[in-house]
PDB file of N, CA and C in Angstrom:
ATOM      1  N   MET A   1     -91.796 -90.085 -93.420  1.00  0.00           N
ATOM      2  CA  MET A   1     -92.013 -89.559 -92.084  1.00  0.00           C
ATOM      3  C   MET A   1     -93.207 -88.602 -92.121  1.00  0.00           C
ATOM      4  N   ALA A   2     -94.007 -88.645 -91.096  1.00  0.00           N
ATOM      5  CA  ALA A   2     -95.160 -87.753 -90.997  1.00  0.00           C
ATOM      6  C   ALA A   2     -94.695 -86.315 -90.827  1.00  0.00           C
ATOM      7  N   THR A   3     -95.519 -85.418 -91.294  1.00  0.00           N
ATOM      8  CA  THR A   3     -95.200 -83.999 -91.144  1.00  0.00           C
ATOM      9  C   THR A   3     -96.140 -83.364 -90.145  1.00  0.00           C
ATOM     10  N   LYS A   4     -95.676 -82.276 -89.555  1.00  0.00           N
ATOM     11  CA  LYS A   4     -96.497 -81.574 -88.588  1.00  0.00           C
ATOM     12  C   LYS A   4     -97.579 -80.775 -89.284  1.00  0.00           C
ATOM     13  N   ASN A   5     -98.712 -80.709 -88.679  1.00  0.00           N
ATOM     14  CA  ASN A   5     -99.777 -79.827 -89.126  1.00  0.00           C
ATOM     15  C   ASN A   5     -99.571 -78.526 -88.366  1.00  0.00           C
ATOM     16  N   PRO A   6     -99.285 -77.427 -89.067  1.00  0.00           N
ATOM     17  CA  PRO A   6     -98.998 -76.166 -88.359  1.00  0.00           C
ATOM     18  C   PRO A   6    -100.087 -75.775 -87.368  1.00  0.00           C
ATOM     19  N   ARG A   7    -101.317 -76.155 -87.649  1.00  0.00           N
ATOM     20  CA  ARG A   7    -102.422 -75.844 -86.753  1.00  0.00           C
ATOM     21  C   ARG A   7    -102.237 -76.502 -85.390  1.00  0.00           C
ATOM     22  N   ASN A   8    -101.581 -77.644 -85.370  1.00  0.00           N
ATOM     23  CA  ASN A   8    -101.441 -78.414 -84.137  1.00  0.00           C
ATOM     24  C   ASN A   8    -100.029 -78.397 -83.564  1.00  0.00           C
ATOM     25  N   GLU A   9     -99.147 -77.603 -84.132  1.00  0.00           N
ATOM     26  CA  GLU A   9     -97.742 -77.649 -83.733  1.00  0.00           C
ATOM     27  C   GLU A   9     -97.554 -77.416 -82.234  1.00  0.00           C
ATOM     28  N   LYS A  10     -98.216 -76.434 -81.677  1.00  0.00           N
ATOM     29  CA  LYS A  10     -98.067 -76.149 -80.244  1.00  0.00           C
ATOM     30  C   LYS A  10     -98.531 -77.342 -79.400  1.00  0.00           C
ATOM     31  N   LEU A  11     -99.632 -77.936 -79.782  1.00  0.00           N
ATOM     32  CA  LEU A  11    -100.167 -79.084 -79.055  1.00  0.00           C
ATOM     33  C   LEU A  11     -99.218 -80.277 -79.135  1.00  0.00           C
ATOM     34  N   ILE A  12     -98.657 -80.515 -80.303  1.00  0.00           N
ATOM     35  CA  ILE A  12     -97.732 -81.631 -80.496  1.00  0.00           C
ATOM     36  C   ILE A  12     -96.477 -81.439 -79.645  1.00  0.00           C
ATOM     37  N   ILE A  13     -95.970 -80.215 -79.614  1.00  0.00           N
ATOM     38  CA  ILE A  13     -94.779 -79.914 -78.811  1.00  0.00           C
ATOM     39  C   ILE A  13     -95.090 -80.044 -77.320  1.00  0.00           C
ATOM     40  N   THR A  14     -96.248 -79.553 -76.900  1.00  0.00           N
ATOM     41  CA  THR A  14     -96.661 -79.656 -75.500  1.00  0.00           C
ATOM     42  C   THR A  14     -96.803 -81.115 -75.086  1.00  0.00           C
ATOM     43  N   PHE A  15     -97.455 -81.905 -75.928  1.00  0.00           N
ATOM     44  CA  PHE A  15     -97.631 -83.324 -75.638  1.00  0.00           C
ATOM     45  C   PHE A  15     -96.275 -84.004 -75.446  1.00  0.00           C
ATOM     46  N   GLY A  16     -95.354 -83.765 -76.363  1.00  0.00           N
ATOM     47  CA  GLY A  16     -94.032 -84.368 -76.283  1.00  0.00           C
ATOM     48  C   GLY A  16     -93.261 -83.964 -75.044  1.00  0.00           C
ATOM     49  N   ALA A  17     -93.332 -82.679 -74.703  1.00  0.00           N
ATOM     50  CA  ALA A  17     -92.638 -82.183 -73.505  1.00  0.00           C
ATOM     51  C   ALA A  17     -93.210 -82.840 -72.252  1.00  0.00           C
ATOM     52  N   ASN A  18     -94.521 -83.033 -72.237  1.00  0.00           N
ATOM     53  CA  ASN A  18     -95.150 -83.671 -71.078  1.00  0.00           C
ATOM     54  C   ASN A  18     -94.811 -85.156 -70.998  1.00  0.00           C
ATOM     55  N   VAL A  19     -94.721 -85.822 -72.139  1.00  0.00           N
ATOM     56  CA  VAL A  19     -94.295 -87.227 -72.130  1.00  0.00           C
ATOM     57  C   VAL A  19     -92.915 -87.318 -71.493  1.00  0.00           C
ATOM     58  N   ARG A  20     -92.001 -86.453 -71.922  1.00  0.00           N
ATOM     59  CA  ARG A  20     -90.638 -86.466 -71.369  1.00  0.00           C
ATOM     60  C   ARG A  20     -90.672 -86.175 -69.860  1.00  0.00           C
ATOM     61  N   LYS A  21     -91.451 -85.176 -69.466  1.00  0.00           N
ATOM     62  CA  LYS A  21     -91.522 -84.797 -68.045  1.00  0.00           C
ATOM     63  C   LYS A  21     -92.007 -85.964 -67.188  1.00  0.00           C
ATOM     64  N   TYR A  22     -93.124 -86.562 -67.571  1.00  0.00           N
ATOM     65  CA  TYR A  22     -93.685 -87.642 -66.767  1.00  0.00           C
ATOM     66  C   TYR A  22     -92.850 -88.915 -66.852  1.00  0.00           C
ATOM     67  N   ARG A  23     -92.184 -89.135 -67.982  1.00  0.00           N
ATOM     68  CA  ARG A  23     -91.272 -90.276 -68.087  1.00  0.00           C
ATOM     69  C   ARG A  23     -90.122 -90.115 -67.099  1.00  0.00           C
ATOM     70  N   ASN A  24     -89.578 -88.911 -67.033  1.00  0.00           N
ATOM     71  CA  ASN A  24     -88.487 -88.648 -66.097  1.00  0.00           C
ATOM     72  C   ASN A  24     -88.948 -88.757 -64.643  1.00  0.00           C
ATOM     73  N   VAL A  25     -90.155 -88.301 -64.354  1.00  0.00           N
ATOM     74  CA  VAL A  25     -90.714 -88.416 -63.000  1.00  0.00           C
ATOM     75  C   VAL A  25     -90.791 -89.890 -62.586  1.00  0.00           C
ATOM     76  N   LYS A  26     -91.160 -90.749 -63.542  1.00  0.00           N
ATOM     77  CA  LYS A  26     -91.245 -92.189 -63.246  1.00  0.00           C
ATOM     78  C   LYS A  26     -89.885 -92.873 -63.272  1.00  0.00           C
ATOM     79  N   GLY A  27     -88.841 -92.152 -63.675  1.00  0.00           N
ATOM     80  CA  GLY A  27     -87.503 -92.724 -63.705  1.00  0.00           C
ATOM     81  C   GLY A  27     -87.290 -93.718 -64.834  1.00  0.00           C
ATOM     82  N   LEU A  28     -88.020 -93.541 -65.929  1.00  0.00           N
ATOM     83  CA  LEU A  28     -87.901 -94.453 -67.065  1.00  0.00           C
ATOM     84  C   LEU A  28     -86.995 -93.875 -68.142  1.00  0.00           C
ATOM     85  N   THR A  29     -86.279 -94.736 -68.816  1.00  0.00           N
ATOM     86  CA  THR A  29     -85.551 -94.319 -70.012  1.00  0.00           C
ATOM     87  C   THR A  29     -86.538 -94.332 -71.184  1.00  0.00           C
ATOM     88  N   MET A  30     -86.149 -93.708 -72.270  1.00  0.00           N
ATOM     89  CA  MET A  30     -86.997 -93.762 -73.472  1.00  0.00           C
ATOM     90  C   MET A  30     -87.165 -95.203 -73.936  1.00  0.00           C
ATOM     91  N   ASN A  31     -86.111 -95.973 -73.840  1.00  0.00           N
ATOM     92  CA  ASN A  31     -86.170 -97.373 -74.253  1.00  0.00           C
ATOM     93  C   ASN A  31     -87.144 -98.168 -73.382  1.00  0.00           C
ATOM     94  N   GLU A  32     -87.125 -97.920 -72.092  1.00  0.00           N
ATOM     95  CA  GLU A  32     -88.056 -98.612 -71.187  1.00  0.00           C
ATOM     96  C   GLU A  32     -89.502 -98.225 -71.496  1.00  0.00           C
ATOM     97  N   LEU A  33     -89.731 -96.933 -71.727  1.00  0.00           N
ATOM     98  CA  LEU A  33     -91.088 -96.491 -72.059  1.00  0.00           C
ATOM     99  C   LEU A  33     -91.541 -97.112 -73.376  1.00  0.00           C
ATOM    100  N   ALA A  34     -90.661 -97.147 -74.349  1.00  0.00           N
ATOM    101  CA  ALA A  34     -90.999 -97.761 -75.632  1.00  0.00           C
ATOM    102  C   ALA A  34     -91.410 -99.218 -75.439  1.00  0.00           C
ATOM    103  N   GLY A  35     -90.677 -99.934 -74.604  1.00  0.00           N
ATOM    104  CA  GLY A  35     -91.017-101.334 -74.331  1.00  0.00           C
ATOM    105  C   GLY A  35     -92.381-101.477 -73.677  1.00  0.00           C
ATOM    106  N   LEU A  36     -92.679-100.615 -72.730  1.00  0.00           N
ATOM    107  CA  LEU A  36     -93.983-100.659 -72.062  1.00  0.00           C
ATOM    108  C   LEU A  36     -95.128-100.346 -73.020  1.00  0.00           C
ATOM    109  N   CYS A  37     -94.833 -99.518 -74.022  1.00  0.00           N
ATOM    110  CA  CYS A  37     -95.861 -99.104 -74.988  1.00  0.00           C
ATOM    111  C   CYS A  37     -95.910 -99.996 -76.224  1.00  0.00           C
ATOM    112  N   ASP A  38     -94.950-100.919 -76.333  1.00  0.00           N
ATOM    113  CA  ASP A  38     -94.830-101.795 -77.491  1.00  0.00           C
ATOM    114  C   ASP A  38     -94.676-100.994 -78.787  1.00  0.00           C
ATOM    115  N   VAL A  39     -93.793 -99.972 -78.714  1.00  0.00           N
ATOM    116  CA  VAL A  39     -93.439 -99.176 -79.889  1.00  0.00           C
ATOM    117  C   VAL A  39     -91.918 -99.109 -79.982  1.00  0.00           C
ATOM    118  N   GLU A  40     -91.430 -98.629 -81.095  1.00  0.00           N
ATOM    119  CA  GLU A  40     -89.995 -98.480 -81.291  1.00  0.00           C
ATOM    120  C   GLU A  40     -89.455 -97.310 -80.464  1.00  0.00           C
ATOM    121  N   LEU A  41     -88.198 -97.390 -80.096  1.00  0.00           N
ATOM    122  CA  LEU A  41     -87.536 -96.295 -79.388  1.00  0.00           C
ATOM    123  C   LEU A  41     -87.657 -94.997 -80.174  1.00  0.00           C
ATOM    124  N   GLY A  42     -87.501 -95.070 -81.486  1.00  0.00           N
ATOM    125  CA  GLY A  42     -87.598 -93.881 -82.332  1.00  0.00           C
ATOM    126  C   GLY A  42     -88.948 -93.200 -82.234  1.00  0.00           C
ATOM    127  N   THR A  43     -89.986 -93.974 -81.996  1.00  0.00           N
ATOM    128  CA  THR A  43     -91.322 -93.394 -81.840  1.00  0.00           C
ATOM    129  C   THR A  43     -91.368 -92.495 -80.615  1.00  0.00           C
ATOM    130  N   ILE A  44     -90.866 -92.976 -79.507  1.00  0.00           N
ATOM    131  CA  ILE A  44     -90.847 -92.176 -78.282  1.00  0.00           C
ATOM    132  C   ILE A  44     -89.975 -90.945 -78.485  1.00  0.00           C
ATOM    133  N   SER A  45     -88.847 -91.120 -79.123  1.00  0.00           N
ATOM    134  CA  SER A  45     -87.936 -90.011 -79.370  1.00  0.00           C
ATOM    135  C   SER A  45     -88.606 -88.912 -80.197  1.00  0.00           C
ATOM    136  N   THR A  46     -89.266 -89.286 -81.288  1.00  0.00           N
ATOM    137  CA  THR A  46     -89.893 -88.268 -82.135  1.00  0.00           C
ATOM    138  C   THR A  46     -91.094 -87.624 -81.454  1.00  0.00           C
ATOM    139  N   VAL A  47     -91.816 -88.392 -80.647  1.00  0.00           N
ATOM    140  CA  VAL A  47     -92.935 -87.816 -79.894  1.00  0.00           C
ATOM    141  C   VAL A  47     -92.411 -86.789 -78.893  1.00  0.00           C
ATOM    142  N   GLU A  48     -91.405 -87.164 -78.121  1.00  0.00           N
ATOM    143  CA  GLU A  48     -90.872 -86.254 -77.098  1.00  0.00           C
ATOM    144  C   GLU A  48     -90.292 -84.980 -77.706  1.00  0.00           C
ATOM    145  N   ARG A  49     -89.720 -85.072 -78.883  1.00  0.00           N
ATOM    146  CA  ARG A  49     -89.135 -83.897 -79.530  1.00  0.00           C
ATOM    147  C   ARG A  49     -90.173 -83.080 -80.281  1.00  0.00           C
ATOM    148  N   GLY A  50     -91.411 -83.542 -80.309  1.00  0.00           N
ATOM    149  CA  GLY A  50     -92.464 -82.811 -81.000  1.00  0.00           C
ATOM    150  C   GLY A  50     -92.310 -82.836 -82.504  1.00  0.00           C
ATOM    151  N   VAL A  51     -91.697 -83.897 -83.017  1.00  0.00           N
ATOM    152  CA  VAL A  51     -91.449 -84.015 -84.449  1.00  0.00           C
ATOM    153  C   VAL A  51     -92.675 -84.548 -85.180  1.00  0.00           C
ATOM    154  N   VAL A  52     -93.425 -85.438 -84.530  1.00  0.00           N
ATOM    155  CA  VAL A  52     -94.589 -86.048 -85.174  1.00  0.00           C
ATOM    156  C   VAL A  52     -95.812 -85.986 -84.263  1.00  0.00           C
ATOM    157  N   ASN A  53     -96.943 -86.059 -84.903  1.00  0.00           N
ATOM    158  CA  ASN A  53     -98.220 -86.156 -84.216  1.00  0.00           C
ATOM    159  C   ASN A  53     -98.523 -87.644 -84.099  1.00  0.00           C
ATOM    160  N   CYS A  54     -98.412 -88.196 -82.900  1.00  0.00           N
ATOM    161  CA  CYS A  54     -98.602 -89.641 -82.743  1.00  0.00           C
ATOM    162  C   CYS A  54    -100.075 -90.015 -82.871  1.00  0.00           C
ATOM    163  N   THR A  55    -100.301 -91.299 -83.050  1.00  0.00           N
ATOM    164  CA  THR A  55    -101.667 -91.807 -83.165  1.00  0.00           C
ATOM    165  C   THR A  55    -102.352 -91.806 -81.800  1.00  0.00           C
ATOM    166  N   ILE A  56    -103.654 -91.918 -81.833  1.00  0.00           N
ATOM    167  CA  ILE A  56    -104.426 -92.001 -80.590  1.00  0.00           C
ATOM    168  C   ILE A  56    -104.019 -93.249 -79.806  1.00  0.00           C
ATOM    169  N   SER A  57    -103.809 -94.343 -80.507  1.00  0.00           N
ATOM    170  CA  SER A  57    -103.449 -95.585 -79.801  1.00  0.00           C
ATOM    171  C   SER A  57    -102.076 -95.462 -79.138  1.00  0.00           C
ATOM    172  N   THR A  58    -101.141 -94.758 -79.759  1.00  0.00           N
ATOM    173  CA  THR A  58     -99.830 -94.544 -79.136  1.00  0.00           C
ATOM    174  C   THR A  58     -99.964 -93.620 -77.936  1.00  0.00           C
ATOM    175  N   ALA A  59    -100.741 -92.568 -78.070  1.00  0.00           N
ATOM    176  CA  ALA A  59    -100.966 -91.651 -76.945  1.00  0.00           C
ATOM    177  C   ALA A  59    -101.588 -92.393 -75.764  1.00  0.00           C
ATOM    178  N   PHE A  60    -102.536 -93.274 -76.058  1.00  0.00           N
ATOM    179  CA  PHE A  60    -103.185 -94.060 -75.009  1.00  0.00           C
ATOM    180  C   PHE A  60    -102.176 -94.996 -74.340  1.00  0.00           C
ATOM    181  N   ALA A  61    -101.351 -95.668 -75.138  1.00  0.00           N
ATOM    182  CA  ALA A  61    -100.338 -96.578 -74.583  1.00  0.00           C
ATOM    183  C   ALA A  61     -99.347 -95.821 -73.708  1.00  0.00           C
ATOM    184  N   ILE A  62     -98.952 -94.636 -74.141  1.00  0.00           N
ATOM    185  CA  ILE A  62     -98.019 -93.820 -73.355  1.00  0.00           C
ATOM    186  C   ILE A  62     -98.661 -93.417 -72.030  1.00  0.00           C
ATOM    187  N   SER A  63     -99.905 -92.972 -72.079  1.00  0.00           N
ATOM    188  CA  SER A  63    -100.570 -92.550 -70.839  1.00  0.00           C
ATOM    189  C   SER A  63    -100.715 -93.716 -69.869  1.00  0.00           C
ATOM    190  N   LYS A  64    -101.039 -94.889 -70.383  1.00  0.00           N
ATOM    191  CA  LYS A  64    -101.166 -96.068 -69.512  1.00  0.00           C
ATOM    192  C   LYS A  64     -99.817 -96.449 -68.915  1.00  0.00           C
ATOM    193  N   ALA A  65     -98.769 -96.417 -69.725  1.00  0.00           N
ATOM    194  CA  ALA A  65     -97.431 -96.771 -69.235  1.00  0.00           C
ATOM    195  C   ALA A  65     -96.954 -95.785 -68.170  1.00  0.00           C
ATOM    196  N   LEU A  66     -97.325 -94.518 -68.334  1.00  0.00           N
ATOM    197  CA  LEU A  66     -96.918 -93.491 -67.375  1.00  0.00           C
ATOM    198  C   LEU A  66     -97.890 -93.378 -66.199  1.00  0.00           C
ATOM    199  N   GLU A  67     -98.972 -94.149 -66.273  1.00  0.00           N
ATOM    200  CA  GLU A  67    -100.010 -94.181 -65.226  1.00  0.00           C
ATOM    201  C   GLU A  67    -100.607 -92.800 -64.977  1.00  0.00           C
ATOM    202  N   ILE A  68    -100.906 -92.109 -66.086  1.00  0.00           N
ATOM    203  CA  ILE A  68    -101.594 -90.816 -66.017  1.00  0.00           C
ATOM    204  C   ILE A  68    -102.639 -90.781 -67.120  1.00  0.00           C
ATOM    205  N   THR A  69    -103.505 -89.802 -67.043  1.00  0.00           N
ATOM    206  CA  THR A  69    -104.534 -89.668 -68.083  1.00  0.00           C
ATOM    207  C   THR A  69    -103.977 -88.872 -69.263  1.00  0.00           C
ATOM    208  N   ILE A  70    -104.566 -89.085 -70.426  1.00  0.00           N
ATOM    209  CA  ILE A  70    -104.119 -88.385 -71.618  1.00  0.00           C
ATOM    210  C   ILE A  70    -104.236 -86.875 -71.443  1.00  0.00           C
ATOM    211  N   ASP A  71    -105.260 -86.410 -70.741  1.00  0.00           N
ATOM    212  CA  ASP A  71    -105.423 -84.953 -70.583  1.00  0.00           C
ATOM    213  C   ASP A  71    -104.225 -84.335 -69.858  1.00  0.00           C
ATOM    214  N   LYS A  72    -103.576 -85.084 -68.984  1.00  0.00           N
ATOM    215  CA  LYS A  72    -102.360 -84.578 -68.314  1.00  0.00           C
ATOM    216  C   LYS A  72    -101.246 -84.348 -69.331  1.00  0.00           C
ATOM    217  N   LEU A  73    -101.201 -85.178 -70.354  1.00  0.00           N
ATOM    218  CA  LEU A  73    -100.164 -85.047 -71.374  1.00  0.00           C
ATOM    219  C   LEU A  73    -100.441 -83.879 -72.324  1.00  0.00           C
ATOM    220  N   LEU A  74    -101.661 -83.361 -72.283  1.00  0.00           N
ATOM    221  CA  LEU A  74    -102.031 -82.243 -73.157  1.00  0.00           C
ATOM    222  C   LEU A  74    -102.016 -80.895 -72.444  1.00  0.00           C
ATOM    223  N   GLU A  75    -101.814 -80.909 -71.133  1.00  0.00           N
ATOM    224  CA  GLU A  75    -101.827 -79.657 -70.360  1.00  0.00           C
ATOM    225  C   GLU A  75    -100.645 -78.774 -70.670  1.00  0.00           C
ATOM    226  N   GLU A  76    -100.943 -77.499 -70.804  1.00  0.00           N
ATOM    227  CA  GLU A  76     -99.863 -76.522 -71.033  1.00  0.00           C
ATOM    228  C   GLU A  76     -99.241 -76.102 -69.725  1.00  0.00           C
TER     229      GLU A  76
END
């Protein structure tokens, strides 16, 4: 499992919280979002909990599935 970079911990947690917020706004389950992003359910779960720093391609897939820009997912 990937480990957090302490330098980016706040950003990773913020990103995950925003994924959860916008997913809930769209009325999607984690499983539905995972399907739209073509990733495993566990990937969405660990991203939302701020456990891992996801890849750029996963962040892009999440933003497209949620129909928002990546910068919205990084806003504090």
